[in-house]
Amino acid sequence: FKRFADHPVTFNSLGYFRNIDKPESLNSTVHMDLDSLKEEREVMDEHIVSFAAELTDDVLSSALKYKDSKGNEYVKNLGYLLQHVFNHQTHHRGQASTLFSQCGVDVGVTDMVVCIPNE
């Protein structure tokens, strides 16, 4: 979300992301234990929910100029970029649940359909 914090529309909810340090690389260890990771994740999630509440159709159809981790510059539709971010999170959750399962941890039901109430 640090990249979204650079959007010309100043989102109040993304001030948190503007002020966090960028990891040195994609494989950097940012948290040494699960408790500190969980605590940080909960804070981040609150800011992401606030960010979503600030979005409008006009903002979602606007462009975001950003650089990837290799310094390549792009200009892409903000709405599509957000779709990518949330879809990619699913990929990482799958990786994490696989690793936990391989270590013998029961991660419980991971199918979203279980969370959808019956009509």
PDB file of N, CA and C in Angstrom:
ATOM      1  N   PHE A   1       0.807  -1.197   0.000  1.00  0.00           N
ATOM      2  CA  PHE A   1       0.000   0.000   0.000  1.00  0.00           C
ATOM      3  C   PHE A   1       0.850   1.261   0.000  1.00  0.00           C
ATOM      4  N   LYS A   2       2.133   1.083   0.195  1.00  0.00           N
ATOM      5  CA  LYS A   2       3.032   2.230   0.154  1.00  0.00           C
ATOM      6  C   LYS A   2       2.963   2.909  -1.218  1.00  0.00           C
ATOM      7  N   ARG A   3       2.844   2.126  -2.289  1.00  0.00           N
ATOM      8  CA  ARG A   3       2.746   2.715  -3.629  1.00  0.00           C
ATOM      9  C   ARG A   3       1.463   3.526  -3.782  1.00  0.00           C
ATOM     10  N   PHE A   4       0.362   3.035  -3.209  1.00  0.00           N
ATOM     11  CA  PHE A   4      -0.904   3.755  -3.301  1.00  0.00           C
ATOM     12  C   PHE A   4      -0.843   5.064  -2.518  1.00  0.00           C
ATOM     13  N   ALA A   5      -0.001   5.102  -1.498  1.00  0.00           N
ATOM     14  CA  ALA A   5       0.140   6.311  -0.684  1.00  0.00           C
ATOM     15  C   ALA A   5       0.724   7.467  -1.497  1.00  0.00           C
ATOM     16  N   ASP A   6       1.327   7.173  -2.645  1.00  0.00           N
ATOM     17  CA  ASP A   6       1.903   8.207  -3.502  1.00  0.00           C
ATOM     18  C   ASP A   6       0.922   8.715  -4.557  1.00  0.00           C
ATOM     19  N   HIS A   7      -0.326   8.244  -4.524  1.00  0.00           N
ATOM     20  CA  HIS A   7      -1.336   8.686  -5.477  1.00  0.00           C
ATOM     21  C   HIS A   7      -1.569  10.188  -5.299  1.00  0.00           C
ATOM     22  N   PRO A   8      -1.834  10.917  -6.394  1.00  0.00           N
ATOM     23  CA  PRO A   8      -2.072  12.363  -6.276  1.00  0.00           C
ATOM     24  C   PRO A   8      -3.215  12.717  -5.314  1.00  0.00           C
ATOM     25  N   VAL A   9      -4.227  11.849  -5.205  1.00  0.00           N
ATOM     26  CA  VAL A   9      -5.267  12.073  -4.210  1.00  0.00           C
ATOM     27  C   VAL A   9      -4.656  11.691  -2.866  1.00  0.00           C
ATOM     28  N   THR A  10      -4.661  12.593  -1.926  1.00  0.00           N
ATOM     29  CA  THR A  10      -4.062  12.311  -0.628  1.00  0.00           C
ATOM     30  C   THR A  10      -5.077  11.586   0.242  1.00  0.00           C
ATOM     31  N   PHE A  11      -4.858  10.308   0.438  1.00  0.00           N
ATOM     32  CA  PHE A  11      -5.737   9.513   1.278  1.00  0.00           C
ATOM     33  C   PHE A  11      -5.261   9.623   2.727  1.00  0.00           C
ATOM     34  N   ASN A  12      -6.114  10.122   3.597  1.00  0.00           N
ATOM     35  CA  ASN A  12      -5.750  10.238   5.019  1.00  0.00           C
ATOM     36  C   ASN A  12      -5.370   8.892   5.607  1.00  0.00           C
ATOM     37  N   SER A  13      -6.062   7.849   5.173  1.00  0.00           N
ATOM     38  CA  SER A  13      -5.858   6.509   5.735  1.00  0.00           C
ATOM     39  C   SER A  13      -4.488   5.927   5.399  1.00  0.00           C
ATOM     40  N   LEU A  14      -3.808   6.462   4.401  1.00  0.00           N
ATOM     41  CA  LEU A  14      -2.536   5.890   3.980  1.00  0.00           C
ATOM     42  C   LEU A  14      -1.322   6.594   4.569  1.00  0.00           C
ATOM     43  N   GLY A  15      -1.544   7.550   5.453  1.00  0.00           N
ATOM     44  CA  GLY A  15      -0.432   8.202   6.133  1.00  0.00           C
ATOM     45  C   GLY A  15       0.456   7.189   6.841  1.00  0.00           C
ATOM     46  N   TYR A  16      -0.165   6.187   7.417  1.00  0.00           N
ATOM     47  CA  TYR A  16       0.576   5.111   8.092  1.00  0.00           C
ATOM     48  C   TYR A  16       1.577   4.464   7.133  1.00  0.00           C
ATOM     49  N   PHE A  17       1.127   4.167   5.915  1.00  0.00           N
ATOM     50  CA  PHE A  17       1.989   3.490   4.939  1.00  0.00           C
ATOM     51  C   PHE A  17       3.080   4.405   4.400  1.00  0.00           C
ATOM     52  N   ARG A  18       2.817   5.699   4.352  1.00  0.00           N
ATOM     53  CA  ARG A  18       3.843   6.641   3.911  1.00  0.00           C
ATOM     54  C   ARG A  18       5.024   6.653   4.872  1.00  0.00           C
ATOM     55  N   ASN A  19       4.749   6.340   6.136  1.00  0.00           N
ATOM     56  CA  ASN A  19       5.767   6.472   7.178  1.00  0.00           C
ATOM     57  C   ASN A  19       6.464   5.173   7.565  1.00  0.00           C
ATOM     58  N   ILE A  20       6.096   4.048   6.969  1.00  0.00           N
ATOM     59  CA  ILE A  20       6.795   2.811   7.323  1.00  0.00           C
ATOM     60  C   ILE A  20       8.001   2.625   6.409  1.00  0.00           C
ATOM     61  N   ASP A  21       9.012   1.995   6.945  1.00  0.00           N
ATOM     62  CA  ASP A  21      10.226   1.749   6.172  1.00  0.00           C
ATOM     63  C   ASP A  21       9.992   0.646   5.148  1.00  0.00           C
ATOM     64  N   LYS A  22      10.586   0.825   3.989  1.00  0.00           N
ATOM     65  CA  LYS A  22      10.520  -0.188   2.945  1.00  0.00           C
ATOM     66  C   LYS A  22      11.588  -1.243   3.241  1.00  0.00           C
ATOM     67  N   PRO A  23      11.224  -2.540   3.183  1.00  0.00           N
ATOM     68  CA  PRO A  23      12.238  -3.585   3.403  1.00  0.00           C
ATOM     69  C   PRO A  23      13.361  -3.479   2.375  1.00  0.00           C
ATOM     70  N   GLU A  24      14.539  -3.934   2.740  1.00  0.00           N
ATOM     71  CA  GLU A  24      15.684  -3.871   1.837  1.00  0.00           C
ATOM     72  C   GLU A  24      15.466  -4.720   0.591  1.00  0.00           C
ATOM     73  N   SER A  25      14.779  -5.863   0.748  1.00  0.00           N
ATOM     74  CA  SER A  25      14.497  -6.736  -0.390  1.00  0.00           C
ATOM     75  C   SER A  25      13.217  -7.516  -0.102  1.00  0.00           C
ATOM     76  N   LEU A  26      12.715  -8.205  -1.126  1.00  0.00           N
ATOM     77  CA  LEU A  26      11.480  -8.971  -0.967  1.00  0.00           C
ATOM     78  C   LEU A  26      11.639 -10.154  -0.024  1.00  0.00           C
ATOM     79  N   ASN A  27      12.861 -10.606   0.215  1.00  0.00           N
ATOM     80  CA  ASN A  27      13.060 -11.739   1.116  1.00  0.00           C
ATOM     81  C   ASN A  27      13.604 -11.306   2.478  1.00  0.00           C
ATOM     82  N   SER A  28      13.495 -10.020   2.795  1.00  0.00           N
ATOM     83  CA  SER A  28      13.918  -9.517   4.104  1.00  0.00           C
ATOM     84  C   SER A  28      12.958  -9.993   5.184  1.00  0.00           C
ATOM     85  N   THR A  29      13.505 -10.328   6.342  1.00  0.00           N
ATOM     86  CA  THR A  29      12.680 -10.670   7.490  1.00  0.00           C
ATOM     87  C   THR A  29      12.348  -9.383   8.224  1.00  0.00           C
ATOM     88  N   VAL A  30      11.067  -9.065   8.297  1.00  0.00           N
ATOM     89  CA  VAL A  30      10.626  -7.819   8.912  1.00  0.00           C
ATOM     90  C   VAL A  30      10.225  -8.051  10.366  1.00  0.00           C
ATOM     91  N   HIS A  31       9.650  -9.209  10.646  1.00  0.00           N
ATOM     92  CA  HIS A  31       9.230  -9.550  12.010  1.00  0.00           C
ATOM     93  C   HIS A  31       9.864 -10.881  12.392  1.00  0.00           C
ATOM     94  N   MET A  32      10.434 -10.910  13.577  1.00  0.00           N
ATOM     95  CA  MET A  32      11.148 -12.108  14.023  1.00  0.00           C
ATOM     96  C   MET A  32      10.249 -13.110  14.734  1.00  0.00           C
ATOM     97  N   ASP A  33       9.017 -12.707  15.076  1.00  0.00           N
ATOM     98  CA  ASP A  33       8.119 -13.630  15.763  1.00  0.00           C
ATOM     99  C   ASP A  33       6.685 -13.398  15.308  1.00  0.00           C
ATOM    100  N   LEU A  34       5.857 -14.401  15.502  1.00  0.00           N
ATOM    101  CA  LEU A  34       4.475 -14.366  15.029  1.00  0.00           C
ATOM    102  C   LEU A  34       3.649 -13.306  15.762  1.00  0.00           C
ATOM    103  N   ASP A  35       3.915 -13.084  17.036  1.00  0.00           N
ATOM    104  CA  ASP A  35       3.143 -12.093  17.796  1.00  0.00           C
ATOM    105  C   ASP A  35       3.318 -10.680  17.244  1.00  0.00           C
ATOM    106  N   SER A  36       4.561 -10.289  16.951  1.00  0.00           N
ATOM    107  CA  SER A  36       4.785  -8.941  16.416  1.00  0.00           C
ATOM    108  C   SER A  36       4.219  -8.823  14.997  1.00  0.00           C
ATOM    109  N   LEU A  37       4.298  -9.887  14.219  1.00  0.00           N
ATOM    110  CA  LEU A  37       3.707  -9.885  12.880  1.00  0.00           C
ATOM    111  C   LEU A  37       2.190  -9.726  12.967  1.00  0.00           C
ATOM    112  N   LYS A  38       1.568 -10.466  13.848  1.00  0.00           N
ATOM    113  CA  LYS A  38       0.109 -10.394  14.024  1.00  0.00           C
ATOM    114  C   LYS A  38      -0.314  -8.988  14.439  1.00  0.00           C
ATOM    115  N   GLU A  39       0.400  -8.426  15.379  1.00  0.00           N
ATOM    116  CA  GLU A  39       0.085  -7.074  15.855  1.00  0.00           C
ATOM    117  C   GLU A  39       0.188  -6.062  14.719  1.00  0.00           C
ATOM    118  N   GLU A  40       1.267  -6.127  13.954  1.00  0.00           N
ATOM    119  CA  GLU A  40       1.469  -5.204  12.827  1.00  0.00           C
ATOM    120  C   GLU A  40       0.417  -5.428  11.751  1.00  0.00           C
ATOM    121  N   ARG A  41       0.080  -6.675  11.491  1.00  0.00           N
ATOM    122  CA  ARG A  41      -0.916  -7.005  10.461  1.00  0.00           C
ATOM    123  C   ARG A  41      -2.280  -6.438  10.826  1.00  0.00           C
ATOM    124  N   GLU A  42      -2.640  -6.514  12.111  1.00  0.00           N
ATOM    125  CA  GLU A  42      -3.929  -5.975  12.549  1.00  0.00           C
ATOM    126  C   GLU A  42      -3.987  -4.462  12.358  1.00  0.00           C
ATOM    127  N   VAL A  43      -2.887  -3.780  12.637  1.00  0.00           N
ATOM    128  CA  VAL A  43      -2.823  -2.333  12.432  1.00  0.00           C
ATOM    129  C   VAL A  43      -2.943  -2.018  10.942  1.00  0.00           C
ATOM    130  N   MET A  44      -2.188  -2.746  10.123  1.00  0.00           N
ATOM    131  CA  MET A  44      -2.251  -2.531   8.673  1.00  0.00           C
ATOM    132  C   MET A  44      -3.663  -2.759   8.144  1.00  0.00           C
ATOM    133  N   ASP A  45      -4.299  -3.828   8.603  1.00  0.00           N
ATOM    134  CA  ASP A  45      -5.649  -4.137   8.125  1.00  0.00           C
ATOM    135  C   ASP A  45      -6.636  -3.024   8.453  1.00  0.00           C
ATOM    136  N   GLU A  46      -6.509  -2.409   9.624  1.00  0.00           N
ATOM    137  CA  GLU A  46      -7.385  -1.279   9.975  1.00  0.00           C
ATOM    138  C   GLU A  46      -7.205  -0.128   8.991  1.00  0.00           C
ATOM    139  N   HIS A  47      -5.956   0.134   8.602  1.00  0.00           N
ATOM    140  CA  HIS A  47      -5.683   1.219   7.654  1.00  0.00           C
ATOM    141  C   HIS A  47      -6.178   0.856   6.250  1.00  0.00           C
ATOM    142  N   ILE A  48      -6.079  -0.394   5.884  1.00  0.00           N
ATOM    143  CA  ILE A  48      -6.570  -0.825   4.566  1.00  0.00           C
ATOM    144  C   ILE A  48      -8.083  -0.686   4.488  1.00  0.00           C
ATOM    145  N   VAL A  49      -8.788  -1.053   5.547  1.00  0.00           N
ATOM    146  CA  VAL A  49     -10.250  -0.893   5.588  1.00  0.00           C
ATOM    147  C   VAL A  49     -10.618   0.589   5.484  1.00  0.00           C
ATOM    148  N   SER A  50      -9.890   1.443   6.197  1.00  0.00           N
ATOM    149  CA  SER A  50     -10.139   2.892   6.120  1.00  0.00           C
ATOM    150  C   SER A  50      -9.877   3.414   4.710  1.00  0.00           C
ATOM    151  N   PHE A  51      -8.826   2.916   4.075  1.00  0.00           N
ATOM    152  CA  PHE A  51      -8.507   3.303   2.694  1.00  0.00           C
ATOM    153  C   PHE A  51      -9.654   2.917   1.760  1.00  0.00           C
ATOM    154  N   ALA A  52     -10.163   1.710   1.898  1.00  0.00           N
ATOM    155  CA  ALA A  52     -11.262   1.252   1.043  1.00  0.00           C
ATOM    156  C   ALA A  52     -12.484   2.155   1.197  1.00  0.00           C
ATOM    157  N   ALA A  53     -12.720   2.643   2.401  1.00  0.00           N
ATOM    158  CA  ALA A  53     -13.855   3.528   2.649  1.00  0.00           C
ATOM    159  C   ALA A  53     -13.683   4.888   1.972  1.00  0.00           C
ATOM    160  N   GLU A  54     -12.450   5.274   1.693  1.00  0.00           N
ATOM    161  CA  GLU A  54     -12.175   6.565   1.038  1.00  0.00           C
ATOM    162  C   GLU A  54     -12.278   6.501  -0.488  1.00  0.00           C
ATOM    163  N   LEU A  55     -12.327   5.315  -1.048  1.00  0.00           N
ATOM    164  CA  LEU A  55     -12.308   5.176  -2.503  1.00  0.00           C
ATOM    165  C   LEU A  55     -13.635   5.605  -3.127  1.00  0.00           C
ATOM    166  N   THR A  56     -13.527   6.210  -4.302  1.00  0.00           N
ATOM    167  CA  THR A  56     -14.691   6.599  -5.095  1.00  0.00           C
ATOM    168  C   THR A  56     -14.507   6.027  -6.503  1.00  0.00           C
ATOM    169  N   ASP A  57     -15.569   6.044  -7.274  1.00  0.00           N
ATOM    170  CA  ASP A  57     -15.473   5.573  -8.656  1.00  0.00           C
ATOM    171  C   ASP A  57     -14.430   6.375  -9.434  1.00  0.00           C
ATOM    172  N   ASP A  58     -14.400   7.692  -9.227  1.00  0.00           N
ATOM    173  CA  ASP A  58     -13.423   8.537  -9.935  1.00  0.00           C
ATOM    174  C   ASP A  58     -11.993   8.150  -9.573  1.00  0.00           C
ATOM    175  N   VAL A  59     -11.749   7.913  -8.296  1.00  0.00           N
ATOM    176  CA  VAL A  59     -10.404   7.531  -7.865  1.00  0.00           C
ATOM    177  C   VAL A  59     -10.038   6.169  -8.435  1.00  0.00           C
ATOM    178  N   LEU A  60     -10.971   5.222  -8.394  1.00  0.00           N
ATOM    179  CA  LEU A  60     -10.686   3.875  -8.900  1.00  0.00           C
ATOM    180  C   LEU A  60     -10.392   3.870 -10.395  1.00  0.00           C
ATOM    181  N   SER A  61     -10.946   4.821 -11.132  1.00  0.00           N
ATOM    182  CA  SER A  61     -10.689   4.867 -12.575  1.00  0.00           C
ATOM    183  C   SER A  61      -9.469   5.729 -12.910  1.00  0.00           C
ATOM    184  N   SER A  62      -8.825   6.304 -11.906  1.00  0.00           N
ATOM    185  CA  SER A  62      -7.643   7.136 -12.155  1.00  0.00           C
ATOM    186  C   SER A  62      -6.391   6.274 -12.311  1.00  0.00           C
ATOM    187  N   ALA A  63      -5.327   6.912 -12.732  1.00  0.00           N
ATOM    188  CA  ALA A  63      -4.053   6.221 -12.943  1.00  0.00           C
ATOM    189  C   ALA A  63      -3.133   6.405 -11.738  1.00  0.00           C
ATOM    190  N   LEU A  64      -2.317   5.410 -11.519  1.00  0.00           N
ATOM    191  CA  LEU A  64      -1.287   5.490 -10.477  1.00  0.00           C
ATOM    192  C   LEU A  64       0.066   5.274 -11.144  1.00  0.00           C
ATOM    193  N   LYS A  65       0.970   6.217 -10.922  1.00  0.00           N
ATOM    194  CA  LYS A  65       2.338   6.092 -11.422  1.00  0.00           C
ATOM    195  C   LYS A  65       3.183   5.520 -10.287  1.00  0.00           C
ATOM    196  N   TYR A  66       3.904   4.450 -10.554  1.00  0.00           N
ATOM    197  CA  TYR A  66       4.712   3.819  -9.511  1.00  0.00           C
ATOM    198  C   TYR A  66       5.909   3.112 -10.122  1.00  0.00           C
ATOM    199  N   LYS A  67       6.833   2.715  -9.246  1.00  0.00           N
ATOM    200  CA  LYS A  67       7.996   1.925  -9.650  1.00  0.00           C
ATOM    201  C   LYS A  67       7.944   0.589  -8.932  1.00  0.00           C
ATOM    202  N   ASP A  68       8.341  -0.465  -9.646  1.00  0.00           N
ATOM    203  CA  ASP A  68       8.413  -1.772  -9.001  1.00  0.00           C
ATOM    204  C   ASP A  68       9.723  -1.886  -8.222  1.00  0.00           C
ATOM    205  N   SER A  69       9.941  -3.046  -7.609  1.00  0.00           N
ATOM    206  CA  SER A  69      11.127  -3.224  -6.764  1.00  0.00           C
ATOM    207  C   SER A  69      12.432  -3.162  -7.556  1.00  0.00           C
ATOM    208  N   LYS A  70      12.350  -3.282  -8.877  1.00  0.00           N
ATOM    209  CA  LYS A  70      13.544  -3.195  -9.721  1.00  0.00           C
ATOM    210  C   LYS A  70      13.756  -1.793 -10.301  1.00  0.00           C
ATOM    211  N   GLY A  71      12.833  -0.873  -9.966  1.00  0.00           N
ATOM    212  CA  GLY A  71      12.957   0.501 -10.450  1.00  0.00           C
ATOM    213  C   GLY A  71      12.251   0.770 -11.761  1.00  0.00           C
ATOM    214  N   ASN A  72      11.566  -0.229 -12.335  1.00  0.00           N
ATOM    215  CA  ASN A  72      10.813  -0.020 -13.572  1.00  0.00           C
ATOM    216  C   ASN A  72       9.583   0.832 -13.266  1.00  0.00           C
ATOM    217  N   GLU A  73       9.319   1.817 -14.117  1.00  0.00           N
ATOM    218  CA  GLU A  73       8.210   2.733 -13.884  1.00  0.00           C
ATOM    219  C   GLU A  73       6.983   2.316 -14.688  1.00  0.00           C
ATOM    220  N   TYR A  74       5.807   2.443 -14.061  1.00  0.00           N
ATOM    221  CA  TYR A  74       4.539   2.082 -14.686  1.00  0.00           C
ATOM    222  C   TYR A  74       3.502   3.143 -14.387  1.00  0.00           C
ATOM    223  N   VAL A  75       2.502   3.230 -15.257  1.00  0.00           N
ATOM    224  CA  VAL A  75       1.302   4.034 -15.019  1.00  0.00           C
ATOM    225  C   VAL A  75       0.137   3.111 -15.336  1.00  0.00           C
ATOM    226  N   LYS A  76      -0.645   2.767 -14.289  1.00  0.00           N
ATOM    227  CA  LYS A  76      -1.736   1.803 -14.467  1.00  0.00           C
ATOM    228  C   LYS A  76      -2.975   2.263 -13.721  1.00  0.00           C
ATOM    229  N   ASN A  77      -4.105   1.708 -14.132  1.00  0.00           N
ATOM    230  CA  ASN A  77      -5.396   2.001 -13.523  1.00  0.00           C
ATOM    231  C   ASN A  77      -5.402   1.557 -12.060  1.00  0.00           C
ATOM    232  N   LEU A  78      -5.769   2.478 -11.168  1.00  0.00           N
ATOM    233  CA  LEU A  78      -5.749   2.196  -9.732  1.00  0.00           C
ATOM    234  C   LEU A  78      -6.687   1.050  -9.355  1.00  0.00           C
ATOM    235  N   GLY A  79      -7.881   1.020  -9.925  1.00  0.00           N
ATOM    236  CA  GLY A  79      -8.832  -0.047  -9.604  1.00  0.00           C
ATOM    237  C   GLY A  79      -8.291  -1.420  -9.957  1.00  0.00           C
ATOM    238  N   TYR A  80      -7.681  -1.543 -11.122  1.00  0.00           N
ATOM    239  CA  TYR A  80      -7.106  -2.827 -11.530  1.00  0.00           C
ATOM    240  C   TYR A  80      -5.915  -3.209 -10.652  1.00  0.00           C
ATOM    241  N   LEU A  81      -5.128  -2.208 -10.256  1.00  0.00           N
ATOM    242  CA  LEU A  81      -4.000  -2.486  -9.365  1.00  0.00           C
ATOM    243  C   LEU A  81      -4.495  -3.003  -8.010  1.00  0.00           C
ATOM    244  N   LEU A  82      -5.575  -2.423  -7.513  1.00  0.00           N
ATOM    245  CA  LEU A  82      -6.130  -2.901  -6.245  1.00  0.00           C
ATOM    246  C   LEU A  82      -6.656  -4.334  -6.375  1.00  0.00           C
ATOM    247  N   GLN A  83      -7.282  -4.637  -7.518  1.00  0.00           N
ATOM    248  CA  GLN A  83      -7.713  -6.023  -7.749  1.00  0.00           C
ATOM    249  C   GLN A  83      -6.517  -6.962  -7.672  1.00  0.00           C
ATOM    250  N   HIS A  84      -5.430  -6.570  -8.294  1.00  0.00           N
ATOM    251  CA  HIS A  84      -4.219  -7.389  -8.269  1.00  0.00           C
ATOM    252  C   HIS A  84      -3.716  -7.585  -6.842  1.00  0.00           C
ATOM    253  N   VAL A  85      -3.654  -6.500  -6.068  1.00  0.00           N
ATOM    254  CA  VAL A  85      -3.131  -6.575  -4.702  1.00  0.00           C
ATOM    255  C   VAL A  85      -3.938  -7.577  -3.878  1.00  0.00           C
ATOM    256  N   PHE A  86      -5.254  -7.466  -3.920  1.00  0.00           N
ATOM    257  CA  PHE A  86      -6.070  -8.357  -3.098  1.00  0.00           C
ATOM    258  C   PHE A  86      -6.057  -9.787  -3.627  1.00  0.00           C
ATOM    259  N   ASN A  87      -6.004  -9.961  -4.931  1.00  0.00           N
ATOM    260  CA  ASN A  87      -5.901 -11.302  -5.484  1.00  0.00           C
ATOM    261  C   ASN A  87      -4.553 -11.923  -5.127  1.00  0.00           C
ATOM    262  N   HIS A  88      -3.496 -11.137  -5.166  1.00  0.00           N
ATOM    263  CA  HIS A  88      -2.158 -11.644  -4.858  1.00  0.00           C
ATOM    264  C   HIS A  88      -2.041 -12.036  -3.381  1.00  0.00           C
ATOM    265  N   GLN A  89      -2.784 -11.348  -2.518  1.00  0.00           N
ATOM    266  CA  GLN A  89      -2.809 -11.716  -1.100  1.00  0.00           C
ATOM    267  C   GLN A  89      -3.313 -13.154  -0.940  1.00  0.00           C
ATOM    268  N   THR A  90      -4.275 -13.547  -1.777  1.00  0.00           N
ATOM    269  CA  THR A  90      -4.794 -14.917  -1.745  1.00  0.00           C
ATOM    270  C   THR A  90      -3.673 -15.904  -2.034  1.00  0.00           C
ATOM    271  N   HIS A  91      -2.834 -15.580  -2.989  1.00  0.00           N
ATOM    272  CA  HIS A  91      -1.684 -16.416  -3.326  1.00  0.00           C
ATOM    273  C   HIS A  91      -0.788 -16.613  -2.102  1.00  0.00           C
ATOM    274  N   HIS A  92      -0.485 -15.514  -1.407  1.00  0.00           N
ATOM    275  CA  HIS A  92       0.390 -15.607  -0.236  1.00  0.00           C
ATOM    276  C   HIS A  92      -0.268 -16.353   0.922  1.00  0.00           C
ATOM    277  N   ARG A  93      -1.566 -16.181   1.104  1.00  0.00           N
ATOM    278  CA  ARG A  93      -2.256 -16.941   2.155  1.00  0.00           C
ATOM    279  C   ARG A  93      -2.187 -18.430   1.841  1.00  0.00           C
ATOM    280  N   GLY A  94      -2.292 -18.791   0.572  1.00  0.00           N
ATOM    281  CA  GLY A  94      -2.148 -20.196   0.177  1.00  0.00           C
ATOM    282  C   GLY A  94      -0.756 -20.724   0.488  1.00  0.00           C
ATOM    283  N   GLN A  95       0.244 -19.915   0.214  1.00  0.00           N
ATOM    284  CA  GLN A  95       1.616 -20.326   0.545  1.00  0.00           C
ATOM    285  C   GLN A  95       1.762 -20.550   2.046  1.00  0.00           C
ATOM    286  N   ALA A  96       1.253 -19.613   2.845  1.00  0.00           N
ATOM    287  CA  ALA A  96       1.375 -19.722   4.302  1.00  0.00           C
ATOM    288  C   ALA A  96       0.631 -20.939   4.829  1.00  0.00           C
ATOM    289  N   SER A  97      -0.590 -21.177   4.341  1.00  0.00           N
ATOM    290  CA  SER A  97      -1.352 -22.325   4.842  1.00  0.00           C
ATOM    291  C   SER A  97      -0.677 -23.638   4.448  1.00  0.00           C
ATOM    292  N   THR A  98      -0.056 -23.677   3.282  1.00  0.00           N
ATOM    293  CA  THR A  98       0.687 -24.872   2.862  1.00  0.00           C
ATOM    294  C   THR A  98       1.868 -25.123   3.793  1.00  0.00           C
ATOM    295  N   LEU A  99       2.624 -24.085   4.097  1.00  0.00           N
ATOM    296  CA  LEU A  99       3.774 -24.239   4.990  1.00  0.00           C
ATOM    297  C   LEU A  99       3.340 -24.676   6.388  1.00  0.00           C
ATOM    298  N   PHE A 100       2.276 -24.081   6.905  1.00  0.00           N
ATOM    299  CA  PHE A 100       1.777 -24.492   8.223  1.00  0.00           C
ATOM    300  C   PHE A 100       1.332 -25.953   8.195  1.00  0.00           C
ATOM    301  N   SER A 101       0.614 -26.341   7.149  1.00  0.00           N
ATOM    302  CA  SER A 101       0.155 -27.734   7.035  1.00  0.00           C
ATOM    303  C   SER A 101       1.338 -28.696   6.978  1.00  0.00           C
ATOM    304  N   GLN A 102       2.379 -28.320   6.246  1.00  0.00           N
ATOM    305  CA  GLN A 102       3.567 -29.166   6.158  1.00  0.00           C
ATOM    306  C   GLN A 102       4.272 -29.305   7.504  1.00  0.00           C
ATOM    307  N   CYS A 103       4.059 -28.332   8.386  1.00  0.00           N
ATOM    308  CA  CYS A 103       4.647 -28.388   9.734  1.00  0.00           C
ATOM    309  C   CYS A 103       3.704 -29.053  10.736  1.00  0.00           C
ATOM    310  N   GLY A 104       2.577 -29.560  10.247  1.00  0.00           N
ATOM    311  CA  GLY A 104       1.645 -30.259  11.125  1.00  0.00           C
ATOM    312  C   GLY A 104       0.623 -29.370  11.816  1.00  0.00           C
ATOM    313  N   VAL A 105       0.518 -28.109  11.410  1.00  0.00           N
ATOM    314  CA  VAL A 105      -0.453 -27.193  12.018  1.00  0.00           C
ATOM    315  C   VAL A 105      -1.773 -27.299  11.255  1.00  0.00           C
ATOM    316  N   ASP A 106      -2.860 -27.525  11.984  1.00  0.00           N
ATOM    317  CA  ASP A 106      -4.193 -27.563  11.378  1.00  0.00           C
ATOM    318  C   ASP A 106      -4.654 -26.126  11.178  1.00  0.00           C
ATOM    319  N   VAL A 107      -4.745 -25.683   9.936  1.00  0.00           N
ATOM    320  CA  VAL A 107      -5.138 -24.302   9.646  1.00  0.00           C
ATOM    321  C   VAL A 107      -6.645 -24.148   9.566  1.00  0.00           C
ATOM    322  N   GLY A 108      -7.372 -25.229   9.728  1.00  0.00           N
ATOM    323  CA  GLY A 108      -8.830 -25.165   9.681  1.00  0.00           C
ATOM    324  C   GLY A 108      -9.339 -25.042   8.261  1.00  0.00           C
ATOM    325  N   VAL A 109     -10.611 -24.748   8.147  1.00  0.00           N
ATOM    326  CA  VAL A 109     -11.256 -24.621   6.838  1.00  0.00           C
ATOM    327  C   VAL A 109     -10.789 -23.322   6.187  1.00  0.00           C
ATOM    328  N   THR A 110     -10.347 -23.402   4.944  1.00  0.00           N
ATOM    329  CA  THR A 110      -9.867 -22.212   4.238  1.00  0.00           C
ATOM    330  C   THR A 110     -10.785 -21.806   3.087  1.00  0.00           C
ATOM    331  N   ASP A 111     -11.860 -22.553   2.866  1.00  0.00           N
ATOM    332  CA  ASP A 111     -12.789 -22.210   1.789  1.00  0.00           C
ATOM    333  C   ASP A 111     -13.689 -21.060   2.209  1.00  0.00           C
ATOM    334  N   MET A 112     -13.656 -19.975   1.458  1.00  0.00           N
ATOM    335  CA  MET A 112     -14.452 -18.799   1.779  1.00  0.00           C
ATOM    336  C   MET A 112     -15.943 -19.109   1.781  1.00  0.00           C
ATOM    337  N   VAL A 113     -16.359 -20.066   0.973  1.00  0.00           N
ATOM    338  CA  VAL A 113     -17.775 -20.379   0.874  1.00  0.00           C
ATOM    339  C   VAL A 113     -18.358 -20.777   2.230  1.00  0.00           C
ATOM    340  N   VAL A 114     -17.536 -21.299   3.122  1.00  0.00           N
ATOM    341  CA  VAL A 114     -17.998 -21.678   4.455  1.00  0.00           C
ATOM    342  C   VAL A 114     -18.409 -20.438   5.253  1.00  0.00           C
ATOM    343  N   CYS A 115     -17.801 -19.289   4.954  1.00  0.00           N
ATOM    344  CA  CYS A 115     -18.098 -18.056   5.672  1.00  0.00           C
ATOM    345  C   CYS A 115     -19.329 -17.339   5.132  1.00  0.00           C
ATOM    346  N   ILE A 116     -19.813 -17.743   3.972  1.00  0.00           N
ATOM    347  CA  ILE A 116     -20.973 -17.095   3.365  1.00  0.00           C
ATOM    348  C   ILE A 116     -22.238 -17.687   3.974  1.00  0.00           C
ATOM    349  N   PRO A 117     -23.068 -16.855   4.615  1.00  0.00           N
ATOM    350  CA  PRO A 117     -24.267 -17.384   5.266  1.00  0.00           C
ATOM    351  C   PRO A 117     -25.280 -17.914   4.245  1.00  0.00           C
ATOM    352  N   ASN A 118     -26.054 -18.902   4.668  1.00  0.00           N
ATOM    353  CA  ASN A 118     -27.142 -19.426   3.844  1.00  0.00           C
ATOM    354  C   ASN A 118     -28.235 -18.376   3.737  1.00  0.00           C
ATOM    355  N   GLU A 119     -28.905 -18.339   2.619  1.00  0.00           N
ATOM    356  CA  GLU A 119     -30.029 -17.399   2.423  1.00  0.00           C
ATOM    357  C   GLU A 119     -31.295 -18.010   2.923  1.00  0.00           C
TER     358      GLU A 119
END
